[in-house]
């Protein structure tokens, strides 16, 4: 999630109910600083509830723009796939272009701008599947699973402090923008850049893939690796950075075909197979 913040990529948290997705997203947003808004998705929500709307003022006979909750530095979209496809599509422009069009007027959202969305597994009651275009707007997906026995014991033991937690910002919008500029200066060797693209191409050509990752996957793997390198105190990207981030960038951009379902092949195994097959650049300092 920190990689997403300083690389400028939106984050999708996915998992069954009760795993703390919203708690994680709220805590993350609370420590970032800047403005923060939460949007609770429901089937009756309208696009204007998210983006904003012009409201008529009868006292001075004017129209006043009432901006929606999307105008914030960090926007938490809780249970995105509970919203109708019409409302989901309202996020396409703002997530890609960092601007919103309301009745032919185009407005910029604050900078930095980060969307952290949670999603229930497909098939849950009252959910609508995200379109490929929508899910491709998320740079990274983090899948949460049920904790192990020892971890769950610790969670239950600390539940009171978790419920009462009120995180304070440890950074500011200006600090985040400065870090984003530093990320752009991290060096990527041409052979490492080629390795990133070859990996995405290899997955795209897998026989179990019906729809493979778009060039946006290569772009965000490139951007994310620069952010990860900076976080680890380096000014250059290594192949290990690529291997570490690939599952978070690629898995949600892949759609399996019928043969994969019949043979019980999953996306993680396809990514692992490509990581083992594509030649890693050698001789990097």
Foldseek 3Di string as FASTA:
>chain_A
DLLCLLLLFAEEEEEAPPQCLVLVLVQVVQQAAWFEEEAEAAAPDALCQAAWAWDADPVVRDTDTDGHRQQIQEYEYEALQLYDQRNLVQCLCCLVPQWHAYPNDIGHHDPPHYYYYYHYPPPPPNGHDDDLSSLLSGQFYDYDDDDDPVVVVVCVVCVVCSVPDRDHHPYYRVVSVVSSVLLVQQDEDPLLLVLLVQLQVQLCPDPFFPGFADCSLSVSLVSSQSSVCVVVPHSYGAVVSSLVRNCGRTQSNTDTDPVCVVVVNHSVVSSVVSSVPRDGDPDDD
